[in-house]
C-alpha atoms as a PDB file:
ATOM      1  CA  UNK A   1     -55.717 -60.525  -1.245  1.00  0.00           C
ATOM      2  CA  UNK A   2     -54.093 -57.155  -1.154  1.00  0.00           C
ATOM      3  CA  UNK A   3     -50.917 -55.538   0.165  1.00  0.00           C
ATOM      4  CA  UNK A   4     -53.086 -53.946   2.803  1.00  0.00           C
ATOM      5  CA  UNK A   5     -55.917 -55.131   4.851  1.00  0.00           C
ATOM      6  CA  UNK A   6     -58.539 -52.704   3.651  1.00  0.00           C
ATOM      7  CA  UNK A   7     -58.925 -50.011   1.020  1.00  0.00           C
ATOM      8  CA  UNK A   8     -57.998 -46.371   0.652  1.00  0.00           C
ATOM      9  CA  UNK A   9     -54.807 -44.559   1.475  1.00  0.00           C
ATOM     10  CA  UNK A  10     -54.270 -43.426   5.051  1.00  0.00           C
ATOM     11  CA  UNK A  11     -51.961 -40.649   6.269  1.00  0.00           C
ATOM     12  CA  UNK A  12     -49.752 -40.519   9.330  1.00  0.00           C
ATOM     13  CA  UNK A  13     -51.130 -38.355  12.151  1.00  0.00           C
ATOM     14  CA  UNK A  14     -51.096 -34.581  11.990  1.00  0.00           C
ATOM     15  CA  UNK A  15     -49.428 -32.498  14.639  1.00  0.00           C
ATOM     16  CA  UNK A  16     -50.758 -28.975  14.124  1.00  0.00           C
ATOM     17  CA  UNK A  17     -53.245 -27.059  12.038  1.00  0.00           C
ATOM     18  CA  UNK A  18     -52.436 -27.869   8.426  1.00  0.00           C
ATOM     19  CA  UNK A  19     -48.825 -28.500   9.454  1.00  0.00           C
ATOM     20  CA  UNK A  20     -46.981 -31.817   9.667  1.00  0.00           C
ATOM     21  CA  UNK A  21     -44.259 -31.406  12.230  1.00  0.00           C
ATOM     22  CA  UNK A  22     -41.018 -33.380  12.275  1.00  0.00           C
ATOM     23  CA  UNK A  23     -37.481 -33.698  11.030  1.00  0.00           C
ATOM     24  CA  UNK A  24     -38.407 -35.023   7.587  1.00  0.00           C
ATOM     25  CA  UNK A  25     -36.314 -34.160   4.560  1.00  0.00           C
ATOM     26  CA  UNK A  26     -37.709 -33.419   1.124  1.00  0.00           C
ATOM     27  CA  UNK A  27     -37.355 -36.312  -1.321  1.00  0.00           C
ATOM     28  CA  UNK A  28     -34.768 -36.125  -4.062  1.00  0.00           C
ATOM     29  CA  UNK A  29     -36.185 -36.186  -7.582  1.00  0.00           C
ATOM     30  CA  UNK A  30     -39.666 -37.535  -6.844  1.00  0.00           C
ATOM     31  CA  UNK A  31     -40.885 -36.748 -10.333  1.00  0.00           C
ATOM     32  CA  UNK A  32     -38.044 -38.857 -11.773  1.00  0.00           C
ATOM     33  CA  UNK A  33     -39.247 -41.804  -9.645  1.00  0.00           C
ATOM     34  CA  UNK A  34     -42.831 -41.203 -10.773  1.00  0.00           C
ATOM     35  CA  UNK A  35     -41.819 -41.103 -14.446  1.00  0.00           C
ATOM     36  CA  UNK A  36     -39.760 -44.293 -14.136  1.00  0.00           C
ATOM     37  CA  UNK A  37     -42.671 -46.173 -12.560  1.00  0.00           C
ATOM     38  CA  UNK A  38     -45.588 -44.568 -14.408  1.00  0.00           C
ATOM     39  CA  UNK A  39     -44.462 -45.593 -17.918  1.00  0.00           C
ATOM     40  CA  UNK A  40     -44.545 -49.390 -17.417  1.00  0.00           C
ATOM     41  CA  UNK A  41     -47.668 -49.124 -15.249  1.00  0.00           C
ATOM     42  CA  UNK A  42     -49.489 -47.110 -17.891  1.00  0.00           C
ATOM     43  CA  UNK A  43     -48.464 -49.526 -20.639  1.00  0.00           C
ATOM     44  CA  UNK A  44     -49.592 -52.493 -18.545  1.00  0.00           C
ATOM     45  CA  UNK A  45     -52.910 -50.825 -17.728  1.00  0.00           C
ATOM     46  CA  UNK A  46     -53.671 -49.984 -21.368  1.00  0.00           C
ATOM     47  CA  UNK A  47     -52.834 -53.508 -22.503  1.00  0.00           C
ATOM     48  CA  UNK A  48     -54.696 -55.056 -19.578  1.00  0.00           C
ATOM     49  CA  UNK A  49     -57.820 -53.001 -20.248  1.00  0.00           C
ATOM     50  CA  UNK A  50     -57.838 -54.175 -23.845  1.00  0.00           C
ATOM     51  CA  UNK A  51     -57.612 -57.790 -22.717  1.00  0.00           C
ATOM     52  CA  UNK A  52     -59.826 -57.388 -19.653  1.00  0.00           C
ATOM     53  CA  UNK A  53     -62.310 -60.056 -18.646  1.00  0.00           C
ATOM     54  CA  UNK A  54     -65.202 -59.661 -16.175  1.00  0.00           C
ATOM     55  CA  UNK A  55     -64.018 -59.061 -12.634  1.00  0.00           C
ATOM     56  CA  UNK A  56     -63.494 -61.699  -9.985  1.00  0.00           C
ATOM     57  CA  UNK A  57     -65.604 -60.337  -7.118  1.00  0.00           C
ATOM     58  CA  UNK A  58     -63.342 -61.991  -4.524  1.00  0.00           C
ATOM     59  CA  UNK A  59     -60.359 -59.823  -5.447  1.00  0.00           C
ATOM     60  CA  UNK A  60     -59.662 -57.088  -2.870  1.00  0.00           C
ATOM     61  CA  UNK A  61     -58.092 -53.875  -4.114  1.00  0.00           C
ATOM     62  CA  UNK A  62     -56.431 -50.859  -2.550  1.00  0.00           C
ATOM     63  CA  UNK A  63     -53.023 -49.772  -1.414  1.00  0.00           C
ATOM     64  CA  UNK A  64     -52.023 -51.177   1.868  1.00  0.00           C
ATOM     65  CA  UNK A  65     -54.141 -49.718   4.560  1.00  0.00           C
ATOM     66  CA  UNK A  66     -55.991 -51.243   7.594  1.00  0.00           C
ATOM     67  CA  UNK A  67     -55.707 -53.607  10.540  1.00  0.00           C
ATOM     68  CA  UNK A  68     -58.163 -56.169   9.195  1.00  0.00           C
ATOM     69  CA  UNK A  69     -57.883 -59.637   7.761  1.00  0.00           C
ATOM     70  CA  UNK A  70     -58.145 -60.531   4.058  1.00  0.00           C
ATOM     71  CA  UNK A  71     -60.798 -59.240   1.648  1.00  0.00           C
ATOM     72  CA  UNK A  72     -64.535 -59.304   2.379  1.00  0.00           C
ATOM     73  CA  UNK A  73     -66.703 -62.375   2.016  1.00  0.00           C
ATOM     74  CA  UNK A  74     -69.200 -62.063  -0.825  1.00  0.00           C
ATOM     75  CA  UNK A  75     -72.737 -61.433   0.382  1.00  0.00           C
ATOM     76  CA  UNK A  76     -74.027 -64.008  -2.097  1.00  0.00           C
ATOM     77  CA  UNK A  77     -74.829 -61.709  -5.025  1.00  0.00           C
ATOM     78  CA  UNK A  78     -72.198 -62.109  -7.714  1.00  0.00           C
ATOM     79  CA  UNK A  79     -71.630 -62.862 -11.360  1.00  0.00           C
ATOM     80  CA  UNK A  80     -70.779 -66.490 -10.565  1.00  0.00           C
ATOM     81  CA  UNK A  81     -74.365 -67.344  -9.607  1.00  0.00           C
ATOM     82  CA  UNK A  82     -75.906 -65.334 -12.435  1.00  0.00           C
ATOM     83  CA  UNK A  83     -76.871 -62.292 -10.407  1.00  0.00           C
ATOM     84  CA  UNK A  84     -75.282 -58.930 -11.024  1.00  0.00           C
ATOM     85  CA  UNK A  85     -74.788 -56.857  -7.864  1.00  0.00           C
ATOM     86  CA  UNK A  86     -72.953 -57.652  -4.629  1.00  0.00           C
ATOM     87  CA  UNK A  87     -72.757 -55.985  -1.214  1.00  0.00           C
ATOM     88  CA  UNK A  88     -70.243 -56.828   1.517  1.00  0.00           C
ATOM     89  CA  UNK A  89     -68.248 -55.317   4.364  1.00  0.00           C
ATOM     90  CA  UNK A  90     -67.027 -55.872   7.892  1.00  0.00           C
ATOM     91  CA  UNK A  91     -67.029 -54.271  11.322  1.00  0.00           C
ATOM     92  CA  UNK A  92     -63.982 -54.723  13.529  1.00  0.00           C
ATOM     93  CA  UNK A  93     -62.305 -53.726  16.769  1.00  0.00           C
ATOM     94  CA  UNK A  94     -58.525 -53.244  16.770  1.00  0.00           C
ATOM     95  CA  UNK A  95     -56.064 -52.456  19.535  1.00  0.00           C
ATOM     96  CA  UNK A  96     -54.580 -49.758  17.267  1.00  0.00           C
ATOM     97  CA  UNK A  97     -55.150 -48.279  13.805  1.00  0.00           C
ATOM     98  CA  UNK A  98     -51.847 -48.665  11.965  1.00  0.00           C
ATOM     99  CA  UNK A  99     -51.289 -47.550   8.388  1.00  0.00           C
ATOM    100  CA  UNK A 100     -47.931 -48.181   6.753  1.00  0.00           C
ATOM    101  CA  UNK A 101     -46.309 -48.606  10.134  1.00  0.00           C
ATOM    102  CA  UNK A 102     -47.759 -45.385  11.651  1.00  0.00           C
ATOM    103  CA  UNK A 103     -50.434 -45.334  14.369  1.00  0.00           C
ATOM    104  CA  UNK A 104     -53.354 -43.049  13.487  1.00  0.00           C
ATOM    105  CA  UNK A 105     -54.936 -43.340  16.942  1.00  0.00           C
ATOM    106  CA  UNK A 106     -51.959 -42.434  19.172  1.00  0.00           C
ATOM    107  CA  UNK A 107     -51.655 -46.150  20.066  1.00  0.00           C
ATOM    108  CA  UNK A 108     -55.287 -46.292  21.198  1.00  0.00           C
ATOM    109  CA  UNK A 109     -58.032 -48.765  20.106  1.00  0.00           C
ATOM    110  CA  UNK A 110     -60.062 -48.297  16.924  1.00  0.00           C
ATOM    111  CA  UNK A 111     -63.561 -49.304  15.822  1.00  0.00           C
ATOM    112  CA  UNK A 112     -63.909 -49.518  12.053  1.00  0.00           C
ATOM    113  CA  UNK A 113     -66.372 -50.039   9.242  1.00  0.00           C
ATOM    114  CA  UNK A 114     -64.079 -51.784   6.781  1.00  0.00           C
ATOM    115  CA  UNK A 115     -64.651 -52.189   3.059  1.00  0.00           C
ATOM    116  CA  UNK A 116     -68.378 -51.565   2.925  1.00  0.00           C
ATOM    117  CA  UNK A 117     -68.734 -52.180  -0.791  1.00  0.00           C
ATOM    118  CA  UNK A 118     -71.311 -52.257  -3.567  1.00  0.00           C
ATOM    119  CA  UNK A 119     -70.122 -53.813  -6.831  1.00  0.00           C
ATOM    120  CA  UNK A 120     -71.288 -54.863 -10.255  1.00  0.00           C
ATOM    121  CA  UNK A 121     -70.098 -58.423 -10.841  1.00  0.00           C
ATOM    122  CA  UNK A 122     -70.455 -58.182 -14.624  1.00  0.00           C
ATOM    123  CA  UNK A 123     -68.535 -54.981 -15.318  1.00  0.00           C
ATOM    124  CA  UNK A 124     -66.134 -55.045 -12.357  1.00  0.00           C
ATOM    125  CA  UNK A 125     -67.132 -51.551 -11.218  1.00  0.00           C
ATOM    126  CA  UNK A 126     -67.403 -50.916  -7.480  1.00  0.00           C
ATOM    127  CA  UNK A 127     -67.826 -48.205  -4.822  1.00  0.00           C
ATOM    128  CA  UNK A 128     -66.352 -48.561  -1.350  1.00  0.00           C
ATOM    129  CA  UNK A 129     -66.473 -46.847   2.048  1.00  0.00           C
ATOM    130  CA  UNK A 130     -64.081 -47.179   4.987  1.00  0.00           C
ATOM    131  CA  UNK A 131     -64.495 -45.315   8.304  1.00  0.00           C
ATOM    132  CA  UNK A 132     -62.511 -45.277  11.549  1.00  0.00           C
ATOM    133  CA  UNK A 133     -61.894 -43.180  14.612  1.00  0.00           C
ATOM    134  CA  UNK A 134     -58.543 -41.373  14.585  1.00  0.00           C
ATOM    135  CA  UNK A 135     -56.548 -39.150  16.956  1.00  0.00           C
ATOM    136  CA  UNK A 136     -54.090 -36.600  15.533  1.00  0.00           C
ATOM    137  CA  UNK A 137     -52.107 -34.619  18.064  1.00  0.00           C
ATOM    138  CA  UNK A 138     -52.688 -30.860  17.821  1.00  0.00           C
ATOM    139  CA  UNK A 139     -56.134 -31.246  16.195  1.00  0.00           C
ATOM    140  CA  UNK A 140     -59.605 -32.309  17.273  1.00  0.00           C
ATOM    141  CA  UNK A 141     -60.144 -34.549  14.217  1.00  0.00           C
ATOM    142  CA  UNK A 142     -61.886 -37.731  15.350  1.00  0.00           C
ATOM    143  CA  UNK A 143     -63.146 -39.453  12.178  1.00  0.00           C
ATOM    144  CA  UNK A 144     -61.582 -40.627   8.941  1.00  0.00           C
ATOM    145  CA  UNK A 145     -63.812 -41.605   6.010  1.00  0.00           C
ATOM    146  CA  UNK A 146     -62.393 -42.912   2.733  1.00  0.00           C
ATOM    147  CA  UNK A 147     -64.574 -42.998  -0.364  1.00  0.00           C
ATOM    148  CA  UNK A 148     -63.267 -45.130  -3.244  1.00  0.00           C
ATOM    149  CA  UNK A 149     -64.477 -46.166  -6.684  1.00  0.00           C
ATOM    150  CA  UNK A 150     -62.775 -48.354  -9.210  1.00  0.00           C
ATOM    151  CA  UNK A 151     -62.671 -51.161 -11.736  1.00  0.00           C
ATOM    152  CA  UNK A 152     -61.507 -54.756 -11.249  1.00  0.00           C
ATOM    153  CA  UNK A 153     -60.657 -57.104 -14.083  1.00  0.00           C
ATOM    154  CA  UNK A 154     -58.533 -60.115 -14.996  1.00  0.00           C
ATOM    155  CA  UNK A 155     -55.715 -60.005 -17.550  1.00  0.00           C
ATOM    156  CA  UNK A 156     -52.374 -61.731 -18.169  1.00  0.00           C
ATOM    157  CA  UNK A 157     -53.089 -64.292 -15.448  1.00  0.00           C
ATOM    158  CA  UNK A 158     -53.489 -61.661 -12.722  1.00  0.00           C
ATOM    159  CA  UNK A 159     -56.299 -59.757 -11.011  1.00  0.00           C
ATOM    160  CA  UNK A 160     -56.110 -55.975 -11.515  1.00  0.00           C
ATOM    161  CA  UNK A 161     -57.697 -53.111  -9.612  1.00  0.00           C
ATOM    162  CA  UNK A 162     -57.528 -49.468 -10.683  1.00  0.00           C
ATOM    163  CA  UNK A 163     -59.205 -47.008  -8.294  1.00  0.00           C
ATOM    164  CA  UNK A 164     -59.515 -43.411  -7.128  1.00  0.00           C
ATOM    165  CA  UNK A 165     -59.999 -42.437  -3.470  1.00  0.00           C
ATOM    166  CA  UNK A 166     -60.878 -39.372  -1.433  1.00  0.00           C
ATOM    167  CA  UNK A 167     -59.741 -39.313   2.202  1.00  0.00           C
ATOM    168  CA  UNK A 168     -61.917 -37.049   4.340  1.00  0.00           C
ATOM    169  CA  UNK A 169     -61.286 -36.015   7.970  1.00  0.00           C
ATOM    170  CA  UNK A 170     -63.901 -34.688  10.367  1.00  0.00           C
ATOM    171  CA  UNK A 171     -64.456 -32.139  11.610  1.00  0.00           C
ATOM    172  CA  UNK A 172     -62.943 -29.642   9.201  1.00  0.00           C
ATOM    173  CA  UNK A 173     -60.334 -31.608   7.269  1.00  0.00           C
ATOM    174  CA  UNK A 174     -61.091 -29.828   3.992  1.00  0.00           C
ATOM    175  CA  UNK A 175     -60.987 -26.280   5.425  1.00  0.00           C
ATOM    176  CA  UNK A 176     -58.250 -23.898   6.453  1.00  0.00           C
ATOM    177  CA  UNK A 177     -58.726 -23.790  10.227  1.00  0.00           C
ATOM    178  CA  UNK A 178     -57.268 -25.873  13.024  1.00  0.00           C
ATOM    179  CA  UNK A 179     -58.013 -29.157  11.254  1.00  0.00           C
ATOM    180  CA  UNK A 180     -57.633 -27.923   7.676  1.00  0.00           C
ATOM    181  CA  UNK A 181     -55.450 -29.322   4.935  1.00  0.00           C
ATOM    182  CA  UNK A 182     -55.850 -33.000   5.768  1.00  0.00           C
ATOM    183  CA  UNK A 183     -58.229 -34.176   3.022  1.00  0.00           C
ATOM    184  CA  UNK A 184     -56.644 -35.495  -0.189  1.00  0.00           C
ATOM    185  CA  UNK A 185     -57.221 -37.439  -3.409  1.00  0.00           C
ATOM    186  CA  UNK A 186     -55.214 -40.432  -4.656  1.00  0.00           C
ATOM    187  CA  UNK A 187     -55.182 -43.037  -7.437  1.00  0.00           C
ATOM    188  CA  UNK A 188     -54.028 -46.655  -7.136  1.00  0.00           C
ATOM    189  CA  UNK A 189     -53.103 -49.472  -9.513  1.00  0.00           C
ATOM    190  CA  UNK A 190     -52.849 -52.943  -7.969  1.00  0.00           C
ATOM    191  CA  UNK A 191     -52.078 -56.408  -9.330  1.00  0.00           C
ATOM    192  CA  UNK A 192     -52.581 -59.750  -7.544  1.00  0.00           C
ATOM    193  CA  UNK A 193     -51.619 -63.257  -8.666  1.00  0.00           C
ATOM    194  CA  UNK A 194     -51.975 -66.670  -7.037  1.00  0.00           C
ATOM    195  CA  UNK A 195     -49.442 -69.492  -7.204  1.00  0.00           C
ATOM    196  CA  UNK A 196     -51.173 -72.413  -5.503  1.00  0.00           C
ATOM    197  CA  UNK A 197     -51.531 -71.614  -1.781  1.00  0.00           C
ATOM    198  CA  UNK A 198     -49.358 -68.471  -2.169  1.00  0.00           C
ATOM    199  CA  UNK A 199     -50.601 -65.086  -3.365  1.00  0.00           C
ATOM    200  CA  UNK A 200     -48.435 -62.126  -4.381  1.00  0.00           C
ATOM    201  CA  UNK A 201     -49.635 -58.536  -4.676  1.00  0.00           C
ATOM    202  CA  UNK A 202     -48.174 -55.157  -5.516  1.00  0.00           C
ATOM    203  CA  UNK A 203     -49.646 -51.663  -5.659  1.00  0.00           C
ATOM    204  CA  UNK A 204     -48.589 -48.146  -6.621  1.00  0.00           C
ATOM    205  CA  UNK A 205     -50.469 -45.115  -5.305  1.00  0.00           C
ATOM    206  CA  UNK A 206     -49.991 -41.502  -6.382  1.00  0.00           C
ATOM    207  CA  UNK A 207     -51.444 -38.380  -4.757  1.00  0.00           C
ATOM    208  CA  UNK A 208     -51.029 -34.958  -6.411  1.00  0.00           C
ATOM    209  CA  UNK A 209     -51.212 -33.197  -3.026  1.00  0.00           C
ATOM    210  CA  UNK A 210     -50.915 -35.590  -0.117  1.00  0.00           C
ATOM    211  CA  UNK A 211     -52.184 -35.171   3.433  1.00  0.00           C
ATOM    212  CA  UNK A 212     -51.252 -31.888   5.125  1.00  0.00           C
ATOM    213  CA  UNK A 213     -50.745 -30.259   1.704  1.00  0.00           C
ATOM    214  CA  UNK A 214     -47.393 -32.029   1.528  1.00  0.00           C
ATOM    215  CA  UNK A 215     -47.234 -32.185  -2.273  1.00  0.00           C
ATOM    216  CA  UNK A 216     -46.855 -35.113  -4.638  1.00  0.00           C
ATOM    217  CA  UNK A 217     -46.594 -38.514  -2.955  1.00  0.00           C
ATOM    218  CA  UNK A 218     -45.674 -41.950  -4.281  1.00  0.00           C
ATOM    219  CA  UNK A 219     -46.543 -45.016  -2.179  1.00  0.00           C
ATOM    220  CA  UNK A 220     -45.382 -48.507  -3.173  1.00  0.00           C
ATOM    221  CA  UNK A 221     -46.704 -51.601  -1.380  1.00  0.00           C
ATOM    222  CA  UNK A 222     -46.103 -55.318  -1.737  1.00  0.00           C
ATOM    223  CA  UNK A 223     -47.420 -58.416   0.008  1.00  0.00           C
ATOM    224  CA  UNK A 224     -47.180 -62.187   0.098  1.00  0.00           C
ATOM    225  CA  UNK A 225     -49.826 -64.443   1.682  1.00  0.00           C
ATOM    226  CA  UNK A 226     -49.603 -68.164   2.348  1.00  0.00           C
ATOM    227  CA  UNK A 227     -52.271 -70.566   3.576  1.00  0.00           C
ATOM    228  CA  UNK A 228     -50.275 -73.449   5.089  1.00  0.00           C
ATOM    229  CA  UNK A 229     -53.353 -75.148   6.585  1.00  0.00           C
ATOM    230  CA  UNK A 230     -56.400 -74.407   4.412  1.00  0.00           C
ATOM    231  CA  UNK A 231     -58.595 -76.681   6.525  1.00  0.00           C
ATOM    232  CA  UNK A 232     -57.994 -74.415   9.533  1.00  0.00           C
ATOM    233  CA  UNK A 233     -58.446 -71.180   7.544  1.00  0.00           C
ATOM    234  CA  UNK A 234     -55.098 -69.840   8.754  1.00  0.00           C
ATOM    235  CA  UNK A 235     -53.173 -67.294   6.660  1.00  0.00           C
ATOM    236  CA  UNK A 236     -49.615 -66.053   7.147  1.00  0.00           C
ATOM    237  CA  UNK A 237     -48.755 -62.774   5.437  1.00  0.00           C
ATOM    238  CA  UNK A 238     -45.875 -60.365   5.095  1.00  0.00           C
ATOM    239  CA  UNK A 239     -46.133 -56.805   3.826  1.00  0.00           C
ATOM    240  CA  UNK A 240     -43.578 -54.170   2.928  1.00  0.00           C
ATOM    241  CA  UNK A 241     -43.692 -50.722   1.388  1.00  0.00           C
ATOM    242  CA  UNK A 242     -41.939 -47.444   0.733  1.00  0.00           C
ATOM    243  CA  UNK A 243     -43.275 -43.883   1.110  1.00  0.00           C
ATOM    244  CA  UNK A 244     -41.922 -40.856  -0.776  1.00  0.00           C
ATOM    245  CA  UNK A 245     -43.405 -37.385  -0.198  1.00  0.00           C
ATOM    246  CA  UNK A 246     -42.201 -34.268  -2.028  1.00  0.00           C
ATOM    247  CA  UNK A 247     -42.558 -31.800   0.861  1.00  0.00           C
ATOM    248  CA  UNK A 248     -41.187 -33.779   3.771  1.00  0.00           C
ATOM    249  CA  UNK A 249     -41.028 -30.716   6.007  1.00  0.00           C
ATOM    250  CA  UNK A 250     -44.842 -30.435   5.861  1.00  0.00           C
ATOM    251  CA  UNK A 251     -45.475 -34.164   5.982  1.00  0.00           C
ATOM    252  CA  UNK A 252     -43.419 -34.400   9.179  1.00  0.00           C
ATOM    253  CA  UNK A 253     -41.559 -37.587   8.247  1.00  0.00           C
ATOM    254  CA  UNK A 254     -38.559 -38.481   6.104  1.00  0.00           C
ATOM    255  CA  UNK A 255     -39.076 -40.875   3.204  1.00  0.00           C
ATOM    256  CA  UNK A 256     -39.310 -44.256   4.912  1.00  0.00           C
ATOM    257  CA  UNK A 257     -39.787 -48.016   4.597  1.00  0.00           C
ATOM    258  CA  UNK A 258     -42.309 -50.027   6.605  1.00  0.00           C
ATOM    259  CA  UNK A 259     -42.954 -53.746   7.025  1.00  0.00           C
ATOM    260  CA  UNK A 260     -45.303 -56.082   8.891  1.00  0.00           C
ATOM    261  CA  UNK A 261     -46.133 -59.751   9.516  1.00  0.00           C
ATOM    262  CA  UNK A 262     -49.577 -61.170  10.332  1.00  0.00           C
ATOM    263  CA  UNK A 263     -51.344 -64.372  11.263  1.00  0.00           C
ATOM    264  CA  UNK A 264     -55.066 -64.398  10.424  1.00  0.00           C
ATOM    265  CA  UNK A 265     -57.766 -66.898  11.297  1.00  0.00           C
ATOM    266  CA  UNK A 266     -61.151 -67.114   9.599  1.00  0.00           C
ATOM    267  CA  UNK A 267     -63.387 -68.361  12.419  1.00  0.00           C
ATOM    268  CA  UNK A 268     -66.952 -69.706  12.024  1.00  0.00           C
ATOM    269  CA  UNK A 269     -69.878 -67.329  11.394  1.00  0.00           C
ATOM    270  CA  UNK A 270     -67.739 -64.923   9.312  1.00  0.00           C
ATOM    271  CA  UNK A 271     -65.677 -63.894  12.336  1.00  0.00           C
ATOM    272  CA  UNK A 272     -61.974 -63.161  11.748  1.00  0.00           C
ATOM    273  CA  UNK A 273     -59.038 -62.628  14.107  1.00  0.00           C
ATOM    274  CA  UNK A 274     -55.685 -61.102  13.109  1.00  0.00           C
ATOM    275  CA  UNK A 275     -52.499 -60.850  15.162  1.00  0.00           C
ATOM    276  CA  UNK A 276     -49.739 -58.764  13.632  1.00  0.00           C
ATOM    277  CA  UNK A 277     -46.429 -56.996  14.180  1.00  0.00           C
ATOM    278  CA  UNK A 278     -45.336 -53.825  12.377  1.00  0.00           C
ATOM    279  CA  UNK A 279     -42.279 -51.563  12.208  1.00  0.00           C
ATOM    280  CA  UNK A 280     -40.597 -48.770  10.208  1.00  0.00           C
ATOM    281  CA  UNK A 281     -37.046 -47.519   9.683  1.00  0.00           C
ATOM    282  CA  UNK A 282     -37.903 -44.048  11.058  1.00  0.00           C
ATOM    283  CA  UNK A 283     -35.663 -42.823  13.867  1.00  0.00           C
ATOM    284  CA  UNK A 284     -37.533 -41.742  16.977  1.00  0.00           C
ATOM    285  CA  UNK A 285     -36.290 -38.134  16.740  1.00  0.00           C
ATOM    286  CA  UNK A 286     -37.537 -37.973  13.107  1.00  0.00           C
ATOM    287  CA  UNK A 287     -41.080 -39.114  13.963  1.00  0.00           C
ATOM    288  CA  UNK A 288     -43.093 -35.904  14.290  1.00  0.00           C
ATOM    289  CA  UNK A 289     -40.432 -34.521  16.663  1.00  0.00           C
ATOM    290  CA  UNK A 290     -40.261 -37.627  18.797  1.00  0.00           C
ATOM    291  CA  UNK A 291     -43.843 -38.898  18.866  1.00  0.00           C
ATOM    292  CA  UNK A 292     -44.401 -42.565  19.715  1.00  0.00           C
ATOM    293  CA  UNK A 293     -46.636 -43.314  16.714  1.00  0.00           C
ATOM    294  CA  UNK A 294     -43.755 -44.627  14.553  1.00  0.00           C
ATOM    295  CA  UNK A 295     -42.579 -47.280  17.014  1.00  0.00           C
ATOM    296  CA  UNK A 296     -42.758 -50.991  16.276  1.00  0.00           C
ATOM    297  CA  UNK A 297     -45.661 -52.761  17.930  1.00  0.00           C
ATOM    298  CA  UNK A 298     -48.124 -55.633  18.069  1.00  0.00           C
ATOM    299  CA  UNK A 299     -51.698 -55.294  16.843  1.00  0.00           C
ATOM    300  CA  UNK A 300     -54.755 -57.478  17.467  1.00  0.00           C
ATOM    301  CA  UNK A 301     -58.040 -57.107  15.590  1.00  0.00           C
ATOM    302  CA  UNK A 302     -61.326 -59.011  15.808  1.00  0.00           C
ATOM    303  CA  UNK A 303     -64.189 -58.477  13.399  1.00  0.00           C
ATOM    304  CA  UNK A 304     -67.158 -59.924  11.578  1.00  0.00           C
ATOM    305  CA  UNK A 305     -68.002 -59.846   7.884  1.00  0.00           C
ATOM    306  CA  UNK A 306     -71.461 -59.256   6.490  1.00  0.00           C
END
């Protein structure tokens, strides 16, 4: 379980070449927020690493990202049955690609390879790939690929995931032309804990130079999931997060809060269906100069795990 469905950190859509248009305001003292949060996180990570146990391969990591259901089903190669390596993933169709309340496809459908992962069940190390079509106004970028690597472990009664990700946009997201300035690096620390049929998760993600060259970004995400009817494989979940970006005038959005609610069903043959609703507190005139991608909406996704 994770505060996102999926892995990697996704940006809101771009409006022009290397420029994020909108009425966003620069955050106050972002570094003060980072310092206040980084100290306890760093202390927890150091202590957790010292007490770490082998990873639970069912734990999904990441920082709140994709319109999918819960984490991938193990392909049958894990530490629990004495074998070391595991491979899993899913393919899905969604009526929209929404990340932290923002549509990355201009409210159009998305086809995604979600959480294609290779992992070592003994050490907790893993590598992950996510890919989706995207549509950013003012560019001809059509593909997002997120490459992640990290470590999962158990400590203090919780499942931990520390990872680094590179978000790549094609064509030309790493250059300086029409589509340039979109690629970025980020690092995420996530913790998940179960209380009977309820699971809680929280994640903090930091990027030194976020999408659109918008400077330091801090992304906080939280989630709660509840399985009221385990026999029917139904899951109710709620997610909420906050986004701070240092150079709001380039990012194109003010600092904002997003939230969502979902109902997921794990159907036979590894098929999953998710129906969700999402929203933000962004005013329409502050959303990339009035774009519709920040509006509240309903999302339906159908996929299959492998």
